[in-house]
Amino acid sequence: MHGSTYKRLLMGSSKDKYRTYLHGEEEKNTKWRFGAPPNYDAVNKLFEEGRTKEWVPGSLEEQVQTLVKNWEMEVFHKADITQYRSLDPHKYTFSLNGRKGVTLEEKKKLGGGYNTLLQTSMPKELRAYDPNEETADSSHKIFTTTFPRGFALEILHVYSGPPVIVYKFRHWGFMEGPFKGHAPTSQKVEFFGISIFTLDEASKIVKVEFFYDPAELLGGLLKGPAIDATAEDAASSCPVLRNTG
């Protein structure tokens, strides 16, 4: 990722130093899924306190980190796909663990957000989280309640640069809220994986492939004792704009 690509990533306000497509000039008329721009202050603090790598500004790793955080912010929070700046909405596909790639329209039918990232072929009765029963809004509420300080992402290693970016990542957070009938443990929950981002000639993402074990995430969320639905509903009763990434 060189020259114009890096300059394009750096365009925008310094209000969020990791996401340049959040407060830039081109975001003035953005339609936000939850009515307002997300606030990443809490998850940025979590990221800075818990990361194991701190990349040199301008390095390939830092550029990939910026690209991934911009991508994640846009697909979770921008309501109008034509306002995405990190990807080409007409060419884009996403796949998990070798599944057939889905378009943005197909992703929307799956419920978007966490539902796409937690697709499963397990029998229904064995699913700790069933993406077929959740919407984009309900899944967002579940995970922002479970991780009130956010779910941080760091780039551990970049194996190849554009146009085909291959990198290893780590996601982590602290389970300080309930999850699907399980009480919070306050313990760190993390998982690791590999991702491949393919960029076109305009440096827009056209293909995303993720490879990781969802059980690594979900297993850490099932350690707490069972609680009743009333307690869980009370914990998640307030609308939130806390975030991943």
C-alpha atoms as a PDB file:
ATOM      1  CA  MET A   1       0.000   0.000   0.000  1.00  0.00           C
ATOM      2  CA  HIS A   2       1.907   2.994  -1.245  1.00  0.00           C
ATOM      3  CA  GLY A   3       1.598   6.586  -2.467  1.00  0.00           C
ATOM      4  CA  SER A   4      -1.966   7.609  -3.249  1.00  0.00           C
ATOM      5  CA  THR A   5      -3.458   4.748  -1.258  1.00  0.00           C
ATOM      6  CA  TYR A   6      -1.761   5.816   1.954  1.00  0.00           C
ATOM      7  CA  LYS A   7      -2.603   9.492   1.353  1.00  0.00           C
ATOM      8  CA  ARG A   8      -6.242   8.536   0.835  1.00  0.00           C
ATOM      9  CA  LEU A   9      -6.263   6.613   4.112  1.00  0.00           C
ATOM     10  CA  LEU A  10      -4.851   9.605   5.953  1.00  0.00           C
ATOM     11  CA  MET A  11      -7.475  12.024   4.635  1.00  0.00           C
ATOM     12  CA  GLY A  12      -9.906  13.065   7.347  1.00  0.00           C
ATOM     13  CA  SER A  13     -10.044  14.480  10.834  1.00  0.00           C
ATOM     14  CA  SER A  14      -7.797  13.607  13.747  1.00  0.00           C
ATOM     15  CA  LYS A  15     -10.877  13.022  15.936  1.00  0.00           C
ATOM     16  CA  ASP A  16     -10.189   9.293  15.679  1.00  0.00           C
ATOM     17  CA  LYS A  17      -6.553   8.523  14.940  1.00  0.00           C
ATOM     18  CA  TYR A  18      -7.268   4.952  13.810  1.00  0.00           C
ATOM     19  CA  ARG A  19     -10.291   5.533  11.540  1.00  0.00           C
ATOM     20  CA  THR A  20      -9.819   8.161   8.868  1.00  0.00           C
ATOM     21  CA  TYR A  21     -13.213   7.555   7.236  1.00  0.00           C
ATOM     22  CA  LEU A  22     -15.180   8.471  10.354  1.00  0.00           C
ATOM     23  CA  HIS A  23     -14.916  12.252  10.737  1.00  0.00           C
ATOM     24  CA  GLY A  24     -13.517  13.456   7.410  1.00  0.00           C
ATOM     25  CA  GLU A  25     -14.924  16.110   5.108  1.00  0.00           C
ATOM     26  CA  GLU A  26     -16.678  13.417   3.059  1.00  0.00           C
ATOM     27  CA  GLU A  27     -18.512  12.132   6.156  1.00  0.00           C
ATOM     28  CA  LYS A  28     -20.556  15.306   6.708  1.00  0.00           C
ATOM     29  CA  ASN A  29     -23.671  13.840   5.078  1.00  0.00           C
ATOM     30  CA  THR A  30     -23.144  10.233   6.126  1.00  0.00           C
ATOM     31  CA  LYS A  31     -26.239   8.220   7.045  1.00  0.00           C
ATOM     32  CA  TRP A  32     -25.337   6.415  10.270  1.00  0.00           C
ATOM     33  CA  ARG A  33     -27.030   3.121  11.111  1.00  0.00           C
ATOM     34  CA  PHE A  34     -27.622   4.143  14.732  1.00  0.00           C
ATOM     35  CA  GLY A  35     -28.362   7.805  14.051  1.00  0.00           C
ATOM     36  CA  ALA A  36     -24.952   9.291  14.860  1.00  0.00           C
ATOM     37  CA  PRO A  37     -21.252   8.594  14.296  1.00  0.00           C
ATOM     38  CA  PRO A  38     -19.931   5.860  16.602  1.00  0.00           C
ATOM     39  CA  ASN A  39     -17.637   6.790  19.467  1.00  0.00           C
ATOM     40  CA  TYR A  40     -14.516   4.643  19.661  1.00  0.00           C
ATOM     41  CA  ASP A  41     -12.894   6.277  22.708  1.00  0.00           C
ATOM     42  CA  ALA A  42     -13.397   3.267  24.993  1.00  0.00           C
ATOM     43  CA  VAL A  43     -12.228   0.650  22.503  1.00  0.00           C
ATOM     44  CA  ASN A  44      -9.254   2.801  21.459  1.00  0.00           C
ATOM     45  CA  LYS A  45      -8.189   2.889  25.125  1.00  0.00           C
ATOM     46  CA  LEU A  46      -8.664  -0.889  25.365  1.00  0.00           C
ATOM     47  CA  PHE A  47      -6.611  -1.312  22.190  1.00  0.00           C
ATOM     48  CA  GLU A  48      -3.746   0.869  23.365  1.00  0.00           C
ATOM     49  CA  GLU A  49      -3.597  -0.800  26.783  1.00  0.00           C
ATOM     50  CA  GLY A  50      -3.796  -4.365  25.483  1.00  0.00           C
ATOM     51  CA  ARG A  51      -2.057  -4.480  22.101  1.00  0.00           C
ATOM     52  CA  THR A  52       1.095  -6.521  21.695  1.00  0.00           C
ATOM     53  CA  LYS A  53       2.335  -4.643  18.614  1.00  0.00           C
ATOM     54  CA  GLU A  54       2.774  -0.932  18.015  1.00  0.00           C
ATOM     55  CA  TRP A  55       3.505  -0.302  14.370  1.00  0.00           C
ATOM     56  CA  VAL A  56       5.706   2.484  13.032  1.00  0.00           C
ATOM     57  CA  PRO A  57       3.635   5.259  11.361  1.00  0.00           C
ATOM     58  CA  GLY A  58       3.712   4.764   7.596  1.00  0.00           C
ATOM     59  CA  SER A  59       4.735   1.108   7.799  1.00  0.00           C
ATOM     60  CA  LEU A  60       2.838  -1.489   5.805  1.00  0.00           C
ATOM     61  CA  GLU A  61       1.469  -2.944   9.042  1.00  0.00           C
ATOM     62  CA  GLU A  62       0.141   0.433  10.193  1.00  0.00           C
ATOM     63  CA  GLN A  63      -1.456   1.050   6.798  1.00  0.00           C
ATOM     64  CA  VAL A  64      -3.162  -2.354   6.874  1.00  0.00           C
ATOM     65  CA  GLN A  65      -4.364  -1.671  10.415  1.00  0.00           C
ATOM     66  CA  THR A  66      -5.932   1.623   9.270  1.00  0.00           C
ATOM     67  CA  LEU A  67      -7.575  -0.032   6.280  1.00  0.00           C
ATOM     68  CA  VAL A  68      -9.064  -2.840   8.385  1.00  0.00           C
ATOM     69  CA  LYS A  69     -10.379  -0.499  11.086  1.00  0.00           C
ATOM     70  CA  ASN A  70     -11.939   1.761   8.439  1.00  0.00           C
ATOM     71  CA  TRP A  71     -13.529  -1.243   6.744  1.00  0.00           C
ATOM     72  CA  GLU A  72     -14.923  -2.624   9.994  1.00  0.00           C
ATOM     73  CA  MET A  73     -16.320   0.762  11.034  1.00  0.00           C
ATOM     74  CA  GLU A  74     -18.036   1.317   7.690  1.00  0.00           C
ATOM     75  CA  VAL A  75     -19.684  -2.090   7.365  1.00  0.00           C
ATOM     76  CA  PHE A  76     -20.985  -1.912  10.945  1.00  0.00           C
ATOM     77  CA  HIS A  77     -22.070   1.729  11.058  1.00  0.00           C
ATOM     78  CA  LYS A  78     -22.694   3.323   7.651  1.00  0.00           C
ATOM     79  CA  ALA A  79     -26.278   2.760   6.563  1.00  0.00           C
ATOM     80  CA  ASP A  80     -25.863   3.698   2.895  1.00  0.00           C
ATOM     81  CA  ILE A  81     -23.470   1.362   1.070  1.00  0.00           C
ATOM     82  CA  THR A  82     -22.820   4.009  -1.590  1.00  0.00           C
ATOM     83  CA  GLN A  83     -21.076   6.035   1.137  1.00  0.00           C
ATOM     84  CA  TYR A  84     -18.516   3.315   1.855  1.00  0.00           C
ATOM     85  CA  ARG A  85     -15.027   4.582   1.036  1.00  0.00           C
ATOM     86  CA  SER A  86     -12.898   1.559   1.918  1.00  0.00           C
ATOM     87  CA  LEU A  87     -14.621  -0.848  -0.469  1.00  0.00           C
ATOM     88  CA  ASP A  88     -16.400  -1.014  -3.808  1.00  0.00           C
ATOM     89  CA  PRO A  89     -20.019  -1.951  -2.951  1.00  0.00           C
ATOM     90  CA  HIS A  90     -20.697  -3.273  -6.455  1.00  0.00           C
ATOM     91  CA  LYS A  91     -17.781  -5.722  -6.546  1.00  0.00           C
ATOM     92  CA  TYR A  92     -17.458  -6.604  -2.876  1.00  0.00           C
ATOM     93  CA  THR A  93     -17.844 -10.138  -1.502  1.00  0.00           C
ATOM     94  CA  PHE A  94     -17.229 -11.610   1.961  1.00  0.00           C
ATOM     95  CA  SER A  95     -16.538 -15.219   2.890  1.00  0.00           C
ATOM     96  CA  LEU A  96     -15.935 -17.038   6.171  1.00  0.00           C
ATOM     97  CA  ASN A  97     -13.809 -20.174   6.450  1.00  0.00           C
ATOM     98  CA  GLY A  98     -13.971 -21.061   2.775  1.00  0.00           C
ATOM     99  CA  ARG A  99     -17.714 -20.568   2.302  1.00  0.00           C
ATOM    100  CA  LYS A 100     -19.020 -19.123  -0.947  1.00  0.00           C
ATOM    101  CA  GLY A 101     -18.578 -15.355  -0.976  1.00  0.00           C
ATOM    102  CA  VAL A 102     -21.658 -13.218  -0.308  1.00  0.00           C
ATOM    103  CA  THR A 103     -22.394  -9.779  -1.741  1.00  0.00           C
ATOM    104  CA  LEU A 104     -23.458  -6.824   0.414  1.00  0.00           C
ATOM    105  CA  GLU A 105     -27.088  -7.532  -0.493  1.00  0.00           C
ATOM    106  CA  GLU A 106     -26.727 -11.177   0.527  1.00  0.00           C
ATOM    107  CA  LYS A 107     -24.899 -10.109   3.683  1.00  0.00           C
ATOM    108  CA  LYS A 108     -27.871  -7.897   4.560  1.00  0.00           C
ATOM    109  CA  LYS A 109     -30.216 -10.891   4.201  1.00  0.00           C
ATOM    110  CA  LEU A 110     -28.013 -12.828   6.644  1.00  0.00           C
ATOM    111  CA  GLY A 111     -28.472 -10.037   9.165  1.00  0.00           C
ATOM    112  CA  GLY A 112     -25.126  -8.338   8.573  1.00  0.00           C
ATOM    113  CA  GLY A 113     -22.637  -7.522  11.303  1.00  0.00           C
ATOM    114  CA  TYR A 114     -21.861 -10.375  13.658  1.00  0.00           C
ATOM    115  CA  ASN A 115     -24.281 -12.731  11.890  1.00  0.00           C
ATOM    116  CA  THR A 116     -22.040 -12.826   8.834  1.00  0.00           C
ATOM    117  CA  LEU A 117     -18.958 -13.343  11.008  1.00  0.00           C
ATOM    118  CA  LEU A 118     -20.580 -16.165  12.995  1.00  0.00           C
ATOM    119  CA  GLN A 119     -22.099 -18.283  10.234  1.00  0.00           C
ATOM    120  CA  THR A 120     -22.254 -21.919  11.271  1.00  0.00           C
ATOM    121  CA  SER A 121     -23.239 -25.339   9.972  1.00  0.00           C
ATOM    122  CA  MET A 122     -23.684 -26.773  13.482  1.00  0.00           C
ATOM    123  CA  PRO A 123     -27.073 -28.310  14.389  1.00  0.00           C
ATOM    124  CA  LYS A 124     -29.466 -25.691  15.718  1.00  0.00           C
ATOM    125  CA  GLU A 125     -29.629 -27.229  19.199  1.00  0.00           C
ATOM    126  CA  LEU A 126     -25.832 -26.933  19.601  1.00  0.00           C
ATOM    127  CA  ARG A 127     -25.517 -23.288  18.628  1.00  0.00           C
ATOM    128  CA  ALA A 128     -24.381 -20.973  21.423  1.00  0.00           C
ATOM    129  CA  TYR A 129     -25.236 -18.107  19.085  1.00  0.00           C
ATOM    130  CA  ASP A 130     -27.676 -18.662  16.227  1.00  0.00           C
ATOM    131  CA  PRO A 131     -27.244 -16.067  13.449  1.00  0.00           C
ATOM    132  CA  ASN A 132     -30.517 -17.231  11.899  1.00  0.00           C
ATOM    133  CA  GLU A 133     -32.406 -15.880  14.898  1.00  0.00           C
ATOM    134  CA  GLU A 134     -30.681 -12.486  15.168  1.00  0.00           C
ATOM    135  CA  THR A 135     -30.962  -9.236  13.241  1.00  0.00           C
ATOM    136  CA  ALA A 136     -28.207  -6.674  12.674  1.00  0.00           C
ATOM    137  CA  ASP A 137     -29.644  -4.608  15.543  1.00  0.00           C
ATOM    138  CA  SER A 138     -30.109  -7.481  17.987  1.00  0.00           C
ATOM    139  CA  SER A 139     -26.630  -8.878  17.340  1.00  0.00           C
ATOM    140  CA  HIS A 140     -25.087  -5.424  17.804  1.00  0.00           C
ATOM    141  CA  LYS A 141     -26.962  -5.054  21.109  1.00  0.00           C
ATOM    142  CA  ILE A 142     -25.843  -8.483  22.318  1.00  0.00           C
ATOM    143  CA  PHE A 143     -22.138  -7.918  21.734  1.00  0.00           C
ATOM    144  CA  THR A 144     -21.974  -4.287  22.854  1.00  0.00           C
ATOM    145  CA  THR A 145     -23.686  -5.369  26.089  1.00  0.00           C
ATOM    146  CA  THR A 146     -21.281  -8.279  26.540  1.00  0.00           C
ATOM    147  CA  PHE A 147     -18.221  -6.106  25.811  1.00  0.00           C
ATOM    148  CA  PRO A 148     -19.083  -2.649  27.265  1.00  0.00           C
ATOM    149  CA  ARG A 149     -15.527  -1.396  26.610  1.00  0.00           C
ATOM    150  CA  GLY A 150     -15.603  -2.703  23.057  1.00  0.00           C
ATOM    151  CA  PHE A 151     -13.908  -5.544  21.215  1.00  0.00           C
ATOM    152  CA  ALA A 152     -10.435  -4.473  20.133  1.00  0.00           C
ATOM    153  CA  LEU A 153      -8.551  -5.546  17.019  1.00  0.00           C
ATOM    154  CA  GLU A 154      -4.823  -5.587  16.336  1.00  0.00           C
ATOM    155  CA  ILE A 155      -2.777  -6.654  13.346  1.00  0.00           C
ATOM    156  CA  LEU A 156      -0.139  -9.170  14.444  1.00  0.00           C
ATOM    157  CA  HIS A 157       1.631  -9.822  11.149  1.00  0.00           C
ATOM    158  CA  VAL A 158       1.267  -8.817   7.505  1.00  0.00           C
ATOM    159  CA  TYR A 159       2.377 -11.582   5.141  1.00  0.00           C
ATOM    160  CA  SER A 160       1.815  -9.734   1.871  1.00  0.00           C
ATOM    161  CA  GLY A 161       0.929  -6.240   0.726  1.00  0.00           C
ATOM    162  CA  PRO A 162      -1.609  -5.092  -1.885  1.00  0.00           C
ATOM    163  CA  PRO A 163      -3.290  -5.887  -4.091  1.00  0.00           C
ATOM    164  CA  VAL A 164      -3.737  -9.106  -2.061  1.00  0.00           C
ATOM    165  CA  ILE A 165      -3.192  -8.336   1.624  1.00  0.00           C
ATOM    166  CA  VAL A 166      -2.787 -11.340   3.904  1.00  0.00           C
ATOM    167  CA  TYR A 167      -2.550 -10.697   7.623  1.00  0.00           C
ATOM    168  CA  LYS A 168      -2.889 -12.336  11.043  1.00  0.00           C
ATOM    169  CA  PHE A 169      -5.136 -10.636  13.589  1.00  0.00           C
ATOM    170  CA  ARG A 170      -6.149 -10.766  17.234  1.00  0.00           C
ATOM    171  CA  HIS A 171      -9.535  -9.685  18.623  1.00  0.00           C
ATOM    172  CA  TRP A 172     -10.100  -9.287  22.371  1.00  0.00           C
ATOM    173  CA  GLY A 173     -12.343  -7.766  24.994  1.00  0.00           C
ATOM    174  CA  PHE A 174     -13.474  -8.215  28.593  1.00  0.00           C
ATOM    175  CA  MET A 175     -16.787  -9.965  29.241  1.00  0.00           C
ATOM    176  CA  GLU A 176     -18.260  -7.415  31.612  1.00  0.00           C
ATOM    177  CA  GLY A 177     -21.859  -7.944  30.501  1.00  0.00           C
ATOM    178  CA  PRO A 178     -24.095 -11.004  30.032  1.00  0.00           C
ATOM    179  CA  PHE A 179     -24.208 -13.134  26.896  1.00  0.00           C
ATOM    180  CA  LYS A 180     -27.159 -15.299  25.822  1.00  0.00           C
ATOM    181  CA  GLY A 181     -28.202 -16.291  29.332  1.00  0.00           C
ATOM    182  CA  HIS A 182     -24.683 -16.418  30.812  1.00  0.00           C
ATOM    183  CA  ALA A 183     -23.477 -14.034  33.519  1.00  0.00           C
ATOM    184  CA  PRO A 184     -20.425 -11.833  32.922  1.00  0.00           C
ATOM    185  CA  THR A 185     -17.076 -13.188  34.073  1.00  0.00           C
ATOM    186  CA  SER A 186     -14.963 -10.007  33.698  1.00  0.00           C
ATOM    187  CA  GLN A 187     -12.376 -12.247  32.039  1.00  0.00           C
ATOM    188  CA  LYS A 188     -10.537 -11.453  28.809  1.00  0.00           C
ATOM    189  CA  VAL A 189     -11.983 -13.218  25.783  1.00  0.00           C
ATOM    190  CA  GLU A 190      -9.854 -13.343  22.638  1.00  0.00           C
ATOM    191  CA  PHE A 191      -9.406 -15.174  19.380  1.00  0.00           C
ATOM    192  CA  PHE A 192      -6.939 -15.199  16.493  1.00  0.00           C
ATOM    193  CA  GLY A 193      -7.306 -15.621  12.763  1.00  0.00           C
ATOM    194  CA  ILE A 194      -6.083 -14.957   9.250  1.00  0.00           C
ATOM    195  CA  SER A 195      -7.707 -12.607   6.755  1.00  0.00           C
ATOM    196  CA  ILE A 196      -7.196 -11.872   3.068  1.00  0.00           C
ATOM    197  CA  PHE A 197      -8.226  -8.506   1.602  1.00  0.00           C
ATOM    198  CA  THR A 198      -8.140  -8.163  -2.185  1.00  0.00           C
ATOM    199  CA  LEU A 199      -7.978  -4.608  -3.561  1.00  0.00           C
ATOM    200  CA  ASP A 200      -8.792  -3.388  -7.064  1.00  0.00           C
ATOM    201  CA  GLU A 201      -6.830  -0.911  -9.183  1.00  0.00           C
ATOM    202  CA  ALA A 202      -8.474   1.979  -7.275  1.00  0.00           C
ATOM    203  CA  SER A 203      -7.256   0.491  -3.956  1.00  0.00           C
ATOM    204  CA  LYS A 204     -10.830  -0.347  -2.922  1.00  0.00           C
ATOM    205  CA  ILE A 205     -11.559  -3.647  -1.195  1.00  0.00           C
ATOM    206  CA  VAL A 206     -13.402  -6.040  -3.503  1.00  0.00           C
ATOM    207  CA  LYS A 207     -12.997  -9.315  -1.622  1.00  0.00           C
ATOM    208  CA  VAL A 208     -12.648 -10.204   2.058  1.00  0.00           C
ATOM    209  CA  GLU A 209     -11.902 -13.702   3.339  1.00  0.00           C
ATOM    210  CA  PHE A 210     -11.738 -14.602   7.029  1.00  0.00           C
ATOM    211  CA  PHE A 211     -10.378 -17.806   8.548  1.00  0.00           C
ATOM    212  CA  TYR A 212     -10.802 -18.433  12.268  1.00  0.00           C
ATOM    213  CA  ASP A 213     -12.573 -20.681  14.772  1.00  0.00           C
ATOM    214  CA  PRO A 214     -15.747 -18.988  16.121  1.00  0.00           C
ATOM    215  CA  ALA A 215     -15.697 -21.447  19.030  1.00  0.00           C
ATOM    216  CA  GLU A 216     -12.592 -19.638  20.281  1.00  0.00           C
ATOM    217  CA  LEU A 217     -14.782 -16.575  20.810  1.00  0.00           C
ATOM    218  CA  LEU A 218     -18.046 -18.192  21.853  1.00  0.00           C
ATOM    219  CA  GLY A 219     -16.417 -20.661  24.242  1.00  0.00           C
ATOM    220  CA  GLY A 220     -15.105 -17.787  26.337  1.00  0.00           C
ATOM    221  CA  LEU A 221     -18.603 -16.292  26.570  1.00  0.00           C
ATOM    222  CA  LEU A 222     -20.244 -19.407  27.999  1.00  0.00           C
ATOM    223  CA  LYS A 223     -18.129 -19.743  31.156  1.00  0.00           C
ATOM    224  CA  GLY A 224     -20.382 -17.651  33.378  1.00  0.00           C
ATOM    225  CA  PRO A 225     -23.272 -19.213  35.330  1.00  0.00           C
ATOM    226  CA  ALA A 226     -26.754 -19.138  33.867  1.00  0.00           C
ATOM    227  CA  ILE A 227     -28.893 -16.071  34.611  1.00  0.00           C
ATOM    228  CA  ASP A 228     -32.553 -15.351  33.957  1.00  0.00           C
ATOM    229  CA  ALA A 229     -33.720 -13.316  31.017  1.00  0.00           C
ATOM    230  CA  THR A 230     -34.874 -10.419  33.214  1.00  0.00           C
ATOM    231  CA  ALA A 231     -31.360  -9.734  34.459  1.00  0.00           C
ATOM    232  CA  GLU A 232     -29.940  -9.928  30.955  1.00  0.00           C
ATOM    233  CA  ASP A 233     -32.607  -7.616  29.541  1.00  0.00           C
ATOM    234  CA  ALA A 234     -31.885  -5.072  32.267  1.00  0.00           C
ATOM    235  CA  ALA A 235     -28.188  -5.074  31.396  1.00  0.00           C
ATOM    236  CA  SER A 236     -28.900  -4.425  27.731  1.00  0.00           C
ATOM    237  CA  SER A 237     -31.817  -1.991  28.085  1.00  0.00           C
ATOM    238  CA  CYS A 238     -29.901   1.185  27.100  1.00  0.00           C
ATOM    239  CA  PRO A 239     -29.069   1.964  23.460  1.00  0.00           C
ATOM    240  CA  VAL A 240     -25.307   1.897  22.869  1.00  0.00           C
ATOM    241  CA  LEU A 241     -22.801   3.067  20.297  1.00  0.00           C
ATOM    242  CA  ARG A 242     -19.850   1.114  21.652  1.00  0.00           C
ATOM    243  CA  ASN A 243     -17.777  -0.607  19.075  1.00  0.00           C
ATOM    244  CA  THR A 244     -15.495  -3.281  17.816  1.00  0.00           C
ATOM    245  CA  GLY A 245     -12.204  -2.669  16.065  1.00  0.00           C
END
